[in-house]
Structure formats: structure tokens, C-alpha cells
Amino acid sequence: ISANQGITDKNACYSLNGAVYGIYWSVEDAKADRNRQETLTTDADGNSNEVGLYAGIYYVKEVTAPAGYELCN
């Protein structure tokens, strides 16, 4: 969500649609955006698709910010 919802809510310049998150086995792979295991993409409500993963520890990194937002590292 936005830190200033008074600006972003109902403002066509901002959208949750299209944020892309990569899922990785290691933090090193996440930092370099390599060996991505799966990809999650959000819809206009901020919900993403579902993916199937084996049990384990994964790292998630936002690789593409939606319209009006910046990537935070």
C-alpha cells in the first residue's frame, strides 16, 4: 500500500496492477535476478497468481514496480 493513500487512492497514475516478484533459492540469486524459480504478478487489487513450489526456504524480490511506484532495495 502507499504511505500516502490520500494521493494514490483512485488516482489513475498509481496502480497495484503489474508488480512483478521473483522467487529465488538464494539471496545471491535474488540480488542478481538469476535462476528465478517462479514469478508472481499482481492484479489491480494487489493479488498475485499462484505458483507451486517444493517445501524449502525461498527469497522473494520485487523486480518490476507497478505504475506510479519505485522499486525499493
PDB file of N, CA and C in Angstrom:
ATOM      1  N   ILE A   1       0.840  -1.178   0.000  1.00  0.00           N
ATOM      2  CA  ILE A   1       0.000   0.000   0.000  1.00  0.00           C
ATOM      3  C   ILE A   1       0.881   1.236   0.000  1.00  0.00           C
ATOM      4  N   SER A   2       0.291   2.321  -0.311  1.00  0.00           N
ATOM      5  CA  SER A   2       1.004   3.581  -0.369  1.00  0.00           C
ATOM      6  C   SER A   2       1.125   4.195   1.025  1.00  0.00           C
ATOM      7  N   ALA A   3       2.199   4.932   1.246  1.00  0.00           N
ATOM      8  CA  ALA A   3       2.366   5.660   2.503  1.00  0.00           C
ATOM      9  C   ALA A   3       1.460   6.885   2.552  1.00  0.00           C
ATOM     10  N   ASN A   4       0.992   7.330   1.390  1.00  0.00           N
ATOM     11  CA  ASN A   4       0.104   8.491   1.336  1.00  0.00           C
ATOM     12  C   ASN A   4      -1.110   8.139   0.478  1.00  0.00           C
ATOM     13  N   GLN A   5      -2.033   7.398   1.057  1.00  0.00           N
ATOM     14  CA  GLN A   5      -3.193   6.924   0.313  1.00  0.00           C
ATOM     15  C   GLN A   5      -4.104   8.052  -0.142  1.00  0.00           C
ATOM     16  N   GLY A   6      -4.016   9.224   0.475  1.00  0.00           N
ATOM     17  CA  GLY A   6      -4.795  10.366   0.030  1.00  0.00           C
ATOM     18  C   GLY A   6      -4.425  10.795  -1.386  1.00  0.00           C
ATOM     19  N   ILE A   7      -3.198  10.531  -1.779  1.00  0.00           N
ATOM     20  CA  ILE A   7      -2.740  10.860  -3.131  1.00  0.00           C
ATOM     21  C   ILE A   7      -2.979   9.699  -4.085  1.00  0.00           C
ATOM     22  N   THR A   8      -2.710   8.479  -3.645  1.00  0.00           N
ATOM     23  CA  THR A   8      -2.724   7.341  -4.561  1.00  0.00           C
ATOM     24  C   THR A   8      -4.094   6.705  -4.778  1.00  0.00           C
ATOM     25  N   ASP A   9      -4.972   6.719  -3.770  1.00  0.00           N
ATOM     26  CA  ASP A   9      -6.286   6.092  -3.927  1.00  0.00           C
ATOM     27  C   ASP A   9      -7.095   6.796  -5.011  1.00  0.00           C
ATOM     28  N   LYS A  10      -7.651   5.999  -5.894  1.00  0.00           N
ATOM     29  CA  LYS A  10      -8.490   6.492  -7.002  1.00  0.00           C
ATOM     30  C   LYS A  10      -7.741   7.454  -7.930  1.00  0.00           C
ATOM     31  N   ASN A  11      -6.428   7.354  -7.966  1.00  0.00           N
ATOM     32  CA  ASN A  11      -5.595   8.166  -8.845  1.00  0.00           C
ATOM     33  C   ASN A  11      -5.068   7.252  -9.945  1.00  0.00           C
ATOM     34  N   ALA A  12      -5.437   7.523 -11.187  1.00  0.00           N
ATOM     35  CA  ALA A  12      -5.073   6.656 -12.312  1.00  0.00           C
ATOM     36  C   ALA A  12      -3.566   6.573 -12.550  1.00  0.00           C
ATOM     37  N   CYS A  13      -2.800   7.474 -11.972  1.00  0.00           N
ATOM     38  CA  CYS A  13      -1.341   7.439 -12.138  1.00  0.00           C
ATOM     39  C   CYS A  13      -0.698   6.353 -11.280  1.00  0.00           C
ATOM     40  N   TYR A  14      -1.457   5.806 -10.335  1.00  0.00           N
ATOM     41  CA  TYR A  14      -0.948   4.772  -9.429  1.00  0.00           C
ATOM     42  C   TYR A  14      -1.787   3.520  -9.579  1.00  0.00           C
ATOM     43  N   SER A  15      -1.127   2.379  -9.603  1.00  0.00           N
ATOM     44  CA  SER A  15      -1.835   1.109  -9.740  1.00  0.00           C
ATOM     45  C   SER A  15      -1.032   0.006  -9.074  1.00  0.00           C
ATOM     46  N   LEU A  16      -1.717  -0.957  -8.506  1.00  0.00           N
ATOM     47  CA  LEU A  16      -1.041  -2.147  -7.979  1.00  0.00           C
ATOM     48  C   LEU A  16      -0.868  -3.191  -9.069  1.00  0.00           C
ATOM     49  N   ASN A  17      -1.557  -3.015 -10.174  1.00  0.00           N
ATOM     50  CA  ASN A  17      -1.501  -3.959 -11.284  1.00  0.00           C
ATOM     51  C   ASN A  17      -0.110  -3.973 -11.915  1.00  0.00           C
ATOM     52  N   GLY A  18       0.441  -5.140 -12.098  1.00  0.00           N
ATOM     53  CA  GLY A  18       1.692  -5.275 -12.831  1.00  0.00           C
ATOM     54  C   GLY A  18       2.963  -5.313 -12.021  1.00  0.00           C
ATOM     55  N   ALA A  19       2.870  -5.331 -10.697  1.00  0.00           N
ATOM     56  CA  ALA A  19       4.089  -5.533  -9.908  1.00  0.00           C
ATOM     57  C   ALA A  19       4.559  -6.964 -10.135  1.00  0.00           C
ATOM     58  N   VAL A  20       5.838  -7.138 -10.342  1.00  0.00           N
ATOM     59  CA  VAL A  20       6.394  -8.468 -10.607  1.00  0.00           C
ATOM     60  C   VAL A  20       7.386  -8.821  -9.510  1.00  0.00           C
ATOM     61  N   TYR A  21       7.217 -10.011  -8.947  1.00  0.00           N
ATOM     62  CA  TYR A  21       8.085 -10.519  -7.890  1.00  0.00           C
ATOM     63  C   TYR A  21       8.725 -11.814  -8.359  1.00  0.00           C
ATOM     64  N   GLY A  22      10.029 -11.923  -8.175  1.00  0.00           N
ATOM     65  CA  GLY A  22      10.735 -13.151  -8.489  1.00  0.00           C
ATOM     66  C   GLY A  22      10.932 -13.967  -7.216  1.00  0.00           C
ATOM     67  N   ILE A  23      10.915 -15.287  -7.361  1.00  0.00           N
ATOM     68  CA  ILE A  23      11.152 -16.206  -6.242  1.00  0.00           C
ATOM     69  C   ILE A  23      12.439 -16.964  -6.542  1.00  0.00           C
ATOM     70  N   TYR A  24      13.346 -16.960  -5.556  1.00  0.00           N
ATOM     71  CA  TYR A  24      14.699 -17.485  -5.757  1.00  0.00           C
ATOM     72  C   TYR A  24      15.084 -18.440  -4.633  1.00  0.00           C
ATOM     73  N   TRP A  25      16.094 -19.292  -4.917  1.00  0.00           N
ATOM     74  CA  TRP A  25      16.628 -20.211  -3.916  1.00  0.00           C
ATOM     75  C   TRP A  25      17.581 -19.523  -2.955  1.00  0.00           C
ATOM     76  N   SER A  26      18.295 -18.525  -3.418  1.00  0.00           N
ATOM     77  CA  SER A  26      19.308 -17.893  -2.554  1.00  0.00           C
ATOM     78  C   SER A  26      19.208 -16.382  -2.635  1.00  0.00           C
ATOM     79  N   VAL A  27      19.698 -15.726  -1.606  1.00  0.00           N
ATOM     80  CA  VAL A  27      19.705 -14.271  -1.598  1.00  0.00           C
ATOM     81  C   VAL A  27      20.629 -13.732  -2.689  1.00  0.00           C
ATOM     82  N   GLU A  28      21.695 -14.451  -2.991  1.00  0.00           N
ATOM     83  CA  GLU A  28      22.611 -14.037  -4.055  1.00  0.00           C
ATOM     84  C   GLU A  28      21.904 -14.059  -5.405  1.00  0.00           C
ATOM     85  N   ASP A  29      21.120 -15.115  -5.659  1.00  0.00           N
ATOM     86  CA  ASP A  29      20.357 -15.189  -6.904  1.00  0.00           C
ATOM     87  C   ASP A  29      19.317 -14.077  -6.965  1.00  0.00           C
ATOM     88  N   ALA A  30      18.680 -13.770  -5.842  1.00  0.00           N
ATOM     89  CA  ALA A  30      17.687 -12.697  -5.810  1.00  0.00           C
ATOM     90  C   ALA A  30      18.348 -11.358  -6.122  1.00  0.00           C
ATOM     91  N   LYS A  31      19.494 -11.092  -5.520  1.00  0.00           N
ATOM     92  CA  LYS A  31      20.187  -9.818  -5.762  1.00  0.00           C
ATOM     93  C   LYS A  31      20.562  -9.668  -7.233  1.00  0.00           C
ATOM     94  N   ALA A  32      20.982 -10.764  -7.863  1.00  0.00           N
ATOM     95  CA  ALA A  32      21.419 -10.723  -9.263  1.00  0.00           C
ATOM     96  C   ALA A  32      20.275 -11.013 -10.239  1.00  0.00           C
ATOM     97  N   ASP A  33      19.090 -11.323  -9.734  1.00  0.00           N
ATOM     98  CA  ASP A  33      17.938 -11.717 -10.554  1.00  0.00           C
ATOM     99  C   ASP A  33      18.326 -12.819 -11.544  1.00  0.00           C
ATOM    100  N   ARG A  34      18.903 -13.882 -10.995  1.00  0.00           N
ATOM    101  CA  ARG A  34      19.277 -15.036 -11.818  1.00  0.00           C
ATOM    102  C   ARG A  34      18.678 -16.298 -11.187  1.00  0.00           C
ATOM    103  N   ASN A  35      18.525 -17.320 -11.979  1.00  0.00           N
ATOM    104  CA  ASN A  35      17.971 -18.605 -11.522  1.00  0.00           C
ATOM    105  C   ASN A  35      16.609 -18.438 -10.845  1.00  0.00           C
ATOM    106  N   ARG A  36      15.778 -17.583 -11.417  1.00  0.00           N
ATOM    107  CA  ARG A  36      14.438 -17.357 -10.864  1.00  0.00           C
ATOM    108  C   ARG A  36      13.640 -18.650 -10.953  1.00  0.00           C
ATOM    109  N   GLN A  37      13.053 -19.056  -9.838  1.00  0.00           N
ATOM    110  CA  GLN A  37      12.276 -20.287  -9.777  1.00  0.00           C
ATOM    111  C   GLN A  37      10.845 -20.084 -10.271  1.00  0.00           C
ATOM    112  N   GLU A  38      10.246 -18.978  -9.880  1.00  0.00           N
ATOM    113  CA  GLU A  38       8.871 -18.649 -10.268  1.00  0.00           C
ATOM    114  C   GLU A  38       8.719 -17.135 -10.305  1.00  0.00           C
ATOM    115  N   THR A  39       7.615 -16.687 -10.874  1.00  0.00           N
ATOM    116  CA  THR A  39       7.309 -15.264 -10.957  1.00  0.00           C
ATOM    117  C   THR A  39       5.873 -15.036 -10.515  1.00  0.00           C
ATOM    118  N   LEU A  40       5.683 -14.026  -9.681  1.00  0.00           N
ATOM    119  CA  LEU A  40       4.349 -13.607  -9.251  1.00  0.00           C
ATOM    120  C   LEU A  40       4.079 -12.233  -9.857  1.00  0.00           C
ATOM    121  N   THR A  41       2.867 -12.035 -10.383  1.00  0.00           N
ATOM    122  CA  THR A  41       2.473 -10.752 -10.954  1.00  0.00           C
ATOM    123  C   THR A  41       1.148 -10.335 -10.339  1.00  0.00           C
ATOM    124  N   THR A  42       1.066  -9.095  -9.867  1.00  0.00           N
ATOM    125  CA  THR A  42      -0.139  -8.637  -9.176  1.00  0.00           C
ATOM    126  C   THR A  42      -1.187  -8.107 -10.143  1.00  0.00           C
ATOM    127  N   ASP A  43      -2.443  -8.176  -9.667  1.00  0.00           N
ATOM    128  CA  ASP A  43      -3.553  -7.578 -10.400  1.00  0.00           C
ATOM    129  C   ASP A  43      -3.877  -6.223  -9.781  1.00  0.00           C
ATOM    130  N   ALA A  44      -4.944  -5.593 -10.220  1.00  0.00           N
ATOM    131  CA  ALA A  44      -5.293  -4.250  -9.761  1.00  0.00           C
ATOM    132  C   ALA A  44      -5.595  -4.181  -8.265  1.00  0.00           C
ATOM    133  N   ASP A  45      -5.962  -5.319  -7.655  1.00  0.00           N
ATOM    134  CA  ASP A  45      -6.235  -5.359  -6.218  1.00  0.00           C
ATOM    135  C   ASP A  45      -4.991  -5.712  -5.406  1.00  0.00           C
ATOM    136  N   GLY A  46      -3.864  -5.967  -6.076  1.00  0.00           N
ATOM    137  CA  GLY A  46      -2.632  -6.329  -5.391  1.00  0.00           C
ATOM    138  C   GLY A  46      -2.489  -7.818  -5.140  1.00  0.00           C
ATOM    139  N   ASN A  47      -3.416  -8.615  -5.674  1.00  0.00           N
ATOM    140  CA  ASN A  47      -3.336 -10.072  -5.544  1.00  0.00           C
ATOM    141  C   ASN A  47      -2.495 -10.627  -6.679  1.00  0.00           C
ATOM    142  N   SER A  48      -1.796 -11.735  -6.407  1.00  0.00           N
ATOM    143  CA  SER A  48      -0.957 -12.321  -7.449  1.00  0.00           C
ATOM    144  C   SER A  48      -1.484 -13.687  -7.860  1.00  0.00           C
ATOM    145  N   ASN A  49      -0.889 -14.174  -8.925  1.00  0.00           N
ATOM    146  CA  ASN A  49      -1.144 -15.539  -9.350  1.00  0.00           C
ATOM    147  C   ASN A  49      -0.579 -16.507  -8.311  1.00  0.00           C
ATOM    148  N   GLU A  50      -0.963 -17.763  -8.400  1.00  0.00           N
ATOM    149  CA  GLU A  50      -0.421 -18.794  -7.508  1.00  0.00           C
ATOM    150  C   GLU A  50       0.630 -19.597  -8.252  1.00  0.00           C
ATOM    151  N   VAL A  51       1.629 -20.045  -7.508  1.00  0.00           N
ATOM    152  CA  VAL A  51       2.658 -20.917  -8.075  1.00  0.00           C
ATOM    153  C   VAL A  51       2.861 -22.096  -7.139  1.00  0.00           C
ATOM    154  N   GLY A  52       3.344 -23.188  -7.678  1.00  0.00           N
ATOM    155  CA  GLY A  52       3.645 -24.365  -6.874  1.00  0.00           C
ATOM    156  C   GLY A  52       5.139 -24.457  -6.627  1.00  0.00           C
ATOM    157  N   LEU A  53       5.517 -24.631  -5.373  1.00  0.00           N
ATOM    158  CA  LEU A  53       6.926 -24.737  -5.009  1.00  0.00           C
ATOM    159  C   LEU A  53       7.124 -25.918  -4.067  1.00  0.00           C
ATOM    160  N   TYR A  54       8.278 -26.508  -4.130  1.00  0.00           N
ATOM    161  CA  TYR A  54       8.636 -27.541  -3.162  1.00  0.00           C
ATOM    162  C   TYR A  54       8.887 -26.880  -1.812  1.00  0.00           C
ATOM    163  N   ALA A  55       8.709 -27.628  -0.750  1.00  0.00           N
ATOM    164  CA  ALA A  55       8.977 -27.104   0.591  1.00  0.00           C
ATOM    165  C   ALA A  55      10.435 -26.667   0.676  1.00  0.00           C
ATOM    166  N   GLY A  56      10.654 -25.545   1.313  1.00  0.00           N
ATOM    167  CA  GLY A  56      12.009 -25.041   1.460  1.00  0.00           C
ATOM    168  C   GLY A  56      12.005 -23.566   1.793  1.00  0.00           C
ATOM    169  N   ILE A  57      13.181 -22.995   1.800  1.00  0.00           N
ATOM    170  CA  ILE A  57      13.344 -21.571   2.071  1.00  0.00           C
ATOM    171  C   ILE A  57      13.560 -20.876   0.730  1.00  0.00           C
ATOM    172  N   TYR A  58      12.784 -19.827   0.504  1.00  0.00           N
ATOM    173  CA  TYR A  58      12.873 -19.057  -0.734  1.00  0.00           C
ATOM    174  C   TYR A  58      13.056 -17.584  -0.408  1.00  0.00           C
ATOM    175  N   TYR A  59      13.531 -16.851  -1.380  1.00  0.00           N
ATOM    176  CA  TYR A  59      13.704 -15.414  -1.261  1.00  0.00           C
ATOM    177  C   TYR A  59      12.848 -14.759  -2.337  1.00  0.00           C
ATOM    178  N   VAL A  60      12.120 -13.722  -1.947  1.00  0.00           N
ATOM    179  CA  VAL A  60      11.230 -13.024  -2.871  1.00  0.00           C
ATOM    180  C   VAL A  60      11.740 -11.598  -3.038  1.00  0.00           C
ATOM    181  N   LYS A  61      11.801 -11.153  -4.293  1.00  0.00           N
ATOM    182  CA  LYS A  61      12.294  -9.810  -4.596  1.00  0.00           C
ATOM    183  C   LYS A  61      11.373  -9.181  -5.636  1.00  0.00           C
ATOM    184  N   GLU A  62      10.987  -7.930  -5.381  1.00  0.00           N
ATOM    185  CA  GLU A  62      10.218  -7.195  -6.381  1.00  0.00           C
ATOM    186  C   GLU A  62      11.176  -6.818  -7.501  1.00  0.00           C
ATOM    187  N   VAL A  63      10.862  -7.222  -8.733  1.00  0.00           N
ATOM    188  CA  VAL A  63      11.742  -6.937  -9.864  1.00  0.00           C
ATOM    189  C   VAL A  63      11.165  -5.869 -10.781  1.00  0.00           C
ATOM    190  N   THR A  64       9.856  -5.644 -10.726  1.00  0.00           N
ATOM    191  CA  THR A  64       9.215  -4.595 -11.510  1.00  0.00           C
ATOM    192  C   THR A  64       8.156  -3.935 -10.637  1.00  0.00           C
ATOM    193  N   ALA A  65       8.257  -2.641 -10.449  1.00  0.00           N
ATOM    194  CA  ALA A  65       7.262  -1.909  -9.673  1.00  0.00           C
ATOM    195  C   ALA A  65       6.066  -1.574 -10.559  1.00  0.00           C
ATOM    196  N   PRO A  66       4.872  -1.498  -9.983  1.00  0.00           N
ATOM    197  CA  PRO A  66       3.707  -1.114 -10.782  1.00  0.00           C
ATOM    198  C   PRO A  66       3.724   0.392 -11.080  1.00  0.00           C
ATOM    199  N   ALA A  67       2.806   0.819 -11.925  1.00  0.00           N
ATOM    200  CA  ALA A  67       2.747   2.228 -12.355  1.00  0.00           C
ATOM    201  C   ALA A  67       2.622   3.177 -11.164  1.00  0.00           C
ATOM    202  N   GLY A  68       3.486   4.178 -11.136  1.00  0.00           N
ATOM    203  CA  GLY A  68       3.458   5.191 -10.096  1.00  0.00           C
ATOM    204  C   GLY A  68       4.330   4.896  -8.888  1.00  0.00           C
ATOM    205  N   TYR A  69       4.919   3.726  -8.833  1.00  0.00           N
ATOM    206  CA  TYR A  69       5.736   3.325  -7.695  1.00  0.00           C
ATOM    207  C   TYR A  69       7.181   3.062  -8.129  1.00  0.00           C
ATOM    208  N   GLU A  70       8.093   3.075  -7.165  1.00  0.00           N
ATOM    209  CA  GLU A  70       9.502   2.780  -7.408  1.00  0.00           C
ATOM    210  C   GLU A  70       9.880   1.488  -6.724  1.00  0.00           C
ATOM    211  N   LEU A  71      10.895   0.834  -7.247  1.00  0.00           N
ATOM    212  CA  LEU A  71      11.447  -0.328  -6.566  1.00  0.00           C
ATOM    213  C   LEU A  71      12.182   0.125  -5.311  1.00  0.00           C
ATOM    214  N   CYS A  72      12.003  -0.605  -4.240  1.00  0.00           N
ATOM    215  CA  CYS A  72      12.757  -0.350  -3.006  1.00  0.00           C
ATOM    216  C   CYS A  72      13.764  -1.466  -2.842  1.00  0.00           C
ATOM    217  N   ASN A  73      14.990  -1.117  -2.622  1.00  0.00           N
ATOM    218  CA  ASN A  73      16.024  -2.141  -2.436  1.00  0.00           C
ATOM    219  C   ASN A  73      16.499  -2.171  -1.026  1.00  0.00           C
TER     220      ASN A  73
END
